[in-house]
Amino acid sequence: MHATLLVWMTLVAGAQAAPERYRTPLAPEEMAAKQAVVETSLGAFVLALLPEAAPNHVGHFIELARGGAYDGTTFHRAVKYGIIQGGDPLSADPAKREQYGRGGFGKVAREPNDERHTRGAVSAVLVPGDPDSAGAQFFVAVVDQPALDGQYTVFARVVDGMDVVERISEMPVDETGRATERVEIRSVTIRDTPPPEPEPFADAPVEELAAWSAVLETSLGTIRIEFLPDKAPTHVRNFLRLAEIGVFDGMAFHRVSPGFVIQTGYLPSRSRPLTDRQKRWIRDLAPEFNDTRHVKGVVSMARGDDPASASTSFFIVTGDAGALDGVYTAFGRVVEGLEVVEAIERVPRDGETPVERVELRRVRVERR
């Protein structure tokens, strides 16, 4: 995902600029702390609006969204992992595909600001050569686009759902850059910015953590883990948090060492990209070494050379691994499904890598 875009050409032949330019009737306090939830046929993403940087662009966008102007329109252009473009009112009509990119201009004058076209920036599309021609159309930068700074008005930023934006950028296009499949905007809803999401399990005391277990649904069966919060409370909170938000879902058991460990939780083994929400809660952990012995069925965190580098990857011990005692953080043990652990241990391997993928389909947390 390293594609960059140096020049963004818009198909707008024959577009006419309106003589009057929009000035928002909304007071600054009416636009402050507002978000736009963009529901698409590939999922939703959320924009934080920037009225302090571009009040007329934000006011115009809010007015269009509240009036349903974007409903049924499409993202009609894309550069894979570069930019997506949508909002053209003409794109609501599939029969007008050859005209997509030509509608909705000439409403808003430019509003120069210091906002940069970094990943997630949202700007107004312009008629080439007319900096005061913004209107309904907008584009989202999928990666940093510094060449566009100062040329287009940034009026919003994606604060959640960049994985959806990336998927939209992957849609097939023809030789002109027009999408060959419809990715529709189903609705754009303006809302107050919600308070920050509380960190899952952050404040749970040890007694409450002990009431939870985790069920690992694998392609070879189900494994249930109970936790040791009295030994490693931060690691237990971390595992419960990541399981609750789906970080482990769709991973693989990427390492199998018979008589030693089976290991999963390695992010590159994940079948789908992480969402912004999931990325937000991933962090390195300080060690919580304890007196739990690494014997068969014990669950412990993998790490690199740095003792404080444990994050998402964990292993289940399949034999007596005393060499790991006191140098890796044990935080749980298998209480059901040890036969599944043994089945994973028996899969054909190339070295320590399973020849066929052993899927960790889902990890769900349950109260015991």
Foldseek 3Di string as FASTA:
>chain_A
DPDEDQDDDFPAPPADADPDAFDAPDDPVRLPQKKKWWQKPLGIWIKGFACVQPVRVSRQQVVCQVVFQQAQAFQWFAAQLFKTKIQFSVRSDVVVSVNPRHHFWNHHAARADDDFQAQFWKWFDAHPPHRGIGGRMIMGGNHGHRSCHPRTRGTIGTPWDSLSVNVSNPADDDPVRTGPDGIGRRHMDMDRNDDDDDQFPPPPDLVQLQQKKKWFQKPLGIWIKGWDCVQPVVVSRQQQRLQAVWQQAQAFQFFADPQFKTKIQDNVRHPGDDISVNVVSWDFAAARADQDFQAAFWKWFDADPDLRGTTGMIIGTHHGDRVCHRSIHTIIGTPPDSVSVVVVNPADADHGGHPDTITRRHMDMDGD
